[in-house]
Amino acid sequence: MRAGAVTAAATLMMLIPSAAMALTRDDGDDPGPGLSVAQTLGLYVGIPLALFAIIAGLVMLLTKDKSKAAKK
């Protein structure tokens, strides 16, 4: 219990200063325009799902011939 409390306290202490530093802008910092909801979903949901489907399809196609050869 004590180890968990110490770990949680240490983690919180590491997160608090970094959140405060995020408000301070650096010299030369020039953020671009924000993403729309569609762009965000496409970037973080659509592209990973498409990559997963492509890789899974390639694996299924490339192992299909081997599984037929093993049954003969």
N, C-alpha and C. Protein backbone atom coordinates (compact mmCIF):
# COMPACT_ATOMS: atom_id res chain seq x y z
N MET A 1 0.83 -1.18 0.00
CA MET A 1 0.00 0.00 0.00
C MET A 1 0.88 1.25 0.00
N ARG A 2 1.91 1.20 0.82
CA ARG A 2 2.81 2.35 0.90
C ARG A 2 3.54 2.56 -0.42
N ALA A 3 3.97 1.46 -1.05
CA ALA A 3 4.67 1.57 -2.33
C ALA A 3 3.77 2.17 -3.40
N GLY A 4 2.51 1.78 -3.41
CA GLY A 4 1.57 2.34 -4.36
C GLY A 4 1.35 3.83 -4.14
N ALA A 5 1.26 4.23 -2.87
CA ALA A 5 1.07 5.65 -2.56
C ALA A 5 2.28 6.46 -2.97
N VAL A 6 3.47 5.92 -2.72
CA VAL A 6 4.70 6.63 -3.10
C VAL A 6 4.79 6.75 -4.62
N THR A 7 4.47 5.67 -5.32
CA THR A 7 4.51 5.69 -6.78
C THR A 7 3.51 6.69 -7.35
N ALA A 8 2.30 6.70 -6.81
CA ALA A 8 1.28 7.64 -7.28
C ALA A 8 1.70 9.08 -7.01
N ALA A 9 2.25 9.34 -5.83
CA ALA A 9 2.68 10.69 -5.49
C ALA A 9 3.83 11.14 -6.40
N ALA A 10 4.77 10.23 -6.65
CA ALA A 10 5.90 10.58 -7.52
C ALA A 10 5.43 10.85 -8.94
N THR A 11 4.48 10.07 -9.42
CA THR A 11 3.94 10.27 -10.77
C THR A 11 3.23 11.62 -10.85
N LEU A 12 2.43 11.94 -9.87
CA LEU A 12 1.73 13.23 -9.87
C LEU A 12 2.71 14.39 -9.82
N MET A 13 3.77 14.25 -9.04
CA MET A 13 4.74 15.32 -8.95
C MET A 13 5.48 15.53 -10.26
N MET A 14 5.65 14.47 -11.04
CA MET A 14 6.30 14.62 -12.34
C MET A 14 5.35 15.24 -13.37
N LEU A 15 4.05 15.01 -13.24
CA LEU A 15 3.09 15.52 -14.21
C LEU A 15 2.72 16.99 -13.97
N ILE A 16 2.73 17.40 -12.75
CA ILE A 16 2.29 18.77 -12.43
C ILE A 16 3.19 19.83 -13.08
N PRO A 17 4.51 19.77 -12.95
CA PRO A 17 5.33 20.81 -13.59
C PRO A 17 5.23 20.80 -15.11
N SER A 18 5.11 19.63 -15.73
CA SER A 18 5.05 19.58 -17.18
C SER A 18 3.76 20.22 -17.70
N ALA A 19 2.67 20.09 -16.96
CA ALA A 19 1.42 20.72 -17.38
C ALA A 19 1.54 22.24 -17.28
N ALA A 20 2.21 22.72 -16.26
CA ALA A 20 2.38 24.16 -16.10
C ALA A 20 3.31 24.72 -17.18
N MET A 21 4.28 23.95 -17.60
CA MET A 21 5.21 24.41 -18.63
C MET A 21 4.56 24.45 -20.01
N ALA A 22 3.46 23.74 -20.20
CA ALA A 22 2.79 23.73 -21.50
C ALA A 22 2.16 25.08 -21.81
N LEU A 23 1.90 25.88 -20.80
CA LEU A 23 1.29 27.19 -21.02
C LEU A 23 2.31 28.23 -21.48
N THR A 24 3.59 27.96 -21.23
CA THR A 24 4.63 28.91 -21.59
C THR A 24 5.08 28.65 -23.02
N ARG A 25 5.01 29.68 -23.86
CA ARG A 25 5.40 29.53 -25.25
C ARG A 25 6.90 29.74 -25.38
N ASP A 26 7.54 28.94 -26.22
CA ASP A 26 8.96 29.08 -26.50
C ASP A 26 9.17 30.10 -27.60
N ASP A 27 10.39 30.62 -27.65
CA ASP A 27 10.73 31.53 -28.75
C ASP A 27 10.72 30.76 -30.06
N GLY A 28 10.09 31.31 -31.05
CA GLY A 28 10.02 30.66 -32.35
C GLY A 28 8.91 29.63 -32.45
N ASP A 29 8.13 29.47 -31.41
CA ASP A 29 7.02 28.51 -31.42
C ASP A 29 5.92 29.05 -32.32
N ASP A 30 5.55 28.29 -33.33
CA ASP A 30 4.52 28.74 -34.26
C ASP A 30 3.58 27.58 -34.57
N PRO A 31 2.60 27.31 -33.69
CA PRO A 31 1.70 26.19 -33.93
C PRO A 31 0.81 26.45 -35.13
N GLY A 32 0.50 25.40 -35.84
CA GLY A 32 -0.36 25.50 -37.00
C GLY A 32 -1.82 25.52 -36.59
N PRO A 33 -2.71 25.55 -37.57
CA PRO A 33 -4.14 25.52 -37.26
C PRO A 33 -4.54 24.15 -36.70
N GLY A 34 -5.58 24.14 -35.89
CA GLY A 34 -6.05 22.89 -35.30
C GLY A 34 -6.71 21.99 -36.32
N LEU A 35 -6.87 20.72 -35.95
CA LEU A 35 -7.52 19.75 -36.82
C LEU A 35 -9.02 19.77 -36.59
N SER A 36 -9.78 19.50 -37.64
CA SER A 36 -11.22 19.36 -37.49
C SER A 36 -11.52 17.97 -36.92
N VAL A 37 -12.76 17.75 -36.57
CA VAL A 37 -13.15 16.45 -36.03
C VAL A 37 -12.93 15.35 -37.06
N ALA A 38 -13.28 15.61 -38.30
CA ALA A 38 -13.10 14.61 -39.36
C ALA A 38 -11.62 14.30 -39.58
N GLN A 39 -10.79 15.32 -39.56
CA GLN A 39 -9.35 15.10 -39.74
C GLN A 39 -8.77 14.30 -38.57
N THR A 40 -9.21 14.61 -37.36
CA THR A 40 -8.72 13.91 -36.19
C THR A 40 -9.13 12.44 -36.23
N LEU A 41 -10.40 12.18 -36.55
CA LEU A 41 -10.85 10.79 -36.64
C LEU A 41 -10.14 10.03 -37.75
N GLY A 42 -9.95 10.70 -38.88
CA GLY A 42 -9.24 10.06 -39.98
C GLY A 42 -7.81 9.73 -39.62
N LEU A 43 -7.15 10.65 -38.93
CA LEU A 43 -5.75 10.47 -38.59
C LEU A 43 -5.54 9.42 -37.51
N TYR A 44 -6.35 9.44 -36.47
CA TYR A 44 -6.12 8.57 -35.32
C TYR A 44 -6.99 7.32 -35.30
N VAL A 45 -8.01 7.23 -36.16
CA VAL A 45 -8.85 6.05 -36.21
C VAL A 45 -8.82 5.42 -37.60
N GLY A 46 -9.06 6.22 -38.62
CA GLY A 46 -9.17 5.70 -39.98
C GLY A 46 -7.88 5.11 -40.51
N ILE A 47 -6.79 5.84 -40.41
CA ILE A 47 -5.52 5.34 -40.93
C ILE A 47 -5.06 4.07 -40.20
N PRO A 48 -5.10 4.01 -38.86
CA PRO A 48 -4.71 2.75 -38.21
C PRO A 48 -5.60 1.57 -38.60
N LEU A 49 -6.91 1.80 -38.74
CA LEU A 49 -7.79 0.70 -39.15
C LEU A 49 -7.49 0.25 -40.58
N ALA A 50 -7.21 1.21 -41.46
CA ALA A 50 -6.87 0.86 -42.84
C ALA A 50 -5.56 0.07 -42.89
N LEU A 51 -4.56 0.50 -42.13
CA LEU A 51 -3.29 -0.23 -42.09
C LEU A 51 -3.49 -1.64 -41.54
N PHE A 52 -4.30 -1.78 -40.50
CA PHE A 52 -4.58 -3.09 -39.94
C PHE A 52 -5.24 -3.98 -40.99
N ALA A 53 -6.21 -3.44 -41.72
CA ALA A 53 -6.90 -4.23 -42.74
C ALA A 53 -5.95 -4.64 -43.86
N ILE A 54 -5.08 -3.73 -44.28
CA ILE A 54 -4.13 -4.06 -45.34
C ILE A 54 -3.16 -5.14 -44.89
N ILE A 55 -2.61 -5.00 -43.69
CA ILE A 55 -1.66 -6.00 -43.20
C ILE A 55 -2.34 -7.33 -42.99
N ALA A 56 -3.54 -7.34 -42.41
CA ALA A 56 -4.26 -8.60 -42.21
C ALA A 56 -4.58 -9.26 -43.54
N GLY A 57 -4.99 -8.46 -44.53
CA GLY A 57 -5.28 -9.02 -45.85
C GLY A 57 -4.05 -9.62 -46.51
N LEU A 58 -2.91 -8.94 -46.41
CA LEU A 58 -1.67 -9.48 -46.97
C LEU A 58 -1.26 -10.77 -46.28
N VAL A 59 -1.39 -10.82 -44.97
CA VAL A 59 -1.04 -12.04 -44.24
C VAL A 59 -1.94 -13.18 -44.66
N MET A 60 -3.23 -12.92 -44.79
CA MET A 60 -4.17 -13.97 -45.19
C MET A 60 -3.87 -14.45 -46.61
N LEU A 61 -3.56 -13.53 -47.52
CA LEU A 61 -3.25 -13.93 -48.89
C LEU A 61 -1.95 -14.72 -48.98
N LEU A 62 -0.95 -14.30 -48.23
CA LEU A 62 0.35 -14.96 -48.32
C LEU A 62 0.39 -16.30 -47.60
N THR A 63 -0.46 -16.51 -46.61
CA THR A 63 -0.47 -17.79 -45.90
C THR A 63 -1.52 -18.74 -46.47
N LYS A 64 -2.36 -18.29 -47.36
CA LYS A 64 -3.41 -19.13 -47.94
C LYS A 64 -2.80 -20.29 -48.73
N ASP A 65 -1.79 -20.02 -49.54
CA ASP A 65 -1.16 -21.07 -50.34
C ASP A 65 -0.44 -22.09 -49.47
N LYS A 66 0.19 -21.64 -48.42
CA LYS A 66 0.92 -22.56 -47.54
C LYS A 66 -0.01 -23.51 -46.80
N SER A 67 -1.20 -23.02 -46.42
CA SER A 67 -2.13 -23.87 -45.69
C SER A 67 -2.71 -24.95 -46.62
N LYS A 68 -2.90 -24.63 -47.90
CA LYS A 68 -3.37 -25.63 -48.86
C LYS A 68 -2.31 -26.68 -49.11
N ALA A 69 -1.06 -26.28 -49.18
CA ALA A 69 0.03 -27.21 -49.42
C ALA A 69 0.23 -28.14 -48.23
N ALA A 70 0.00 -27.67 -47.04
CA ALA A 70 0.18 -28.49 -45.85
C ALA A 70 -0.90 -29.55 -45.73
N LYS A 71 -2.10 -29.31 -46.26
CA LYS A 71 -3.20 -30.28 -46.16
C LYS A 71 -3.03 -31.43 -47.15
N LYS A 72 -2.28 -31.24 -48.22
CA LYS A 72 -2.14 -32.28 -49.23
C LYS A 72 -1.25 -33.40 -48.80
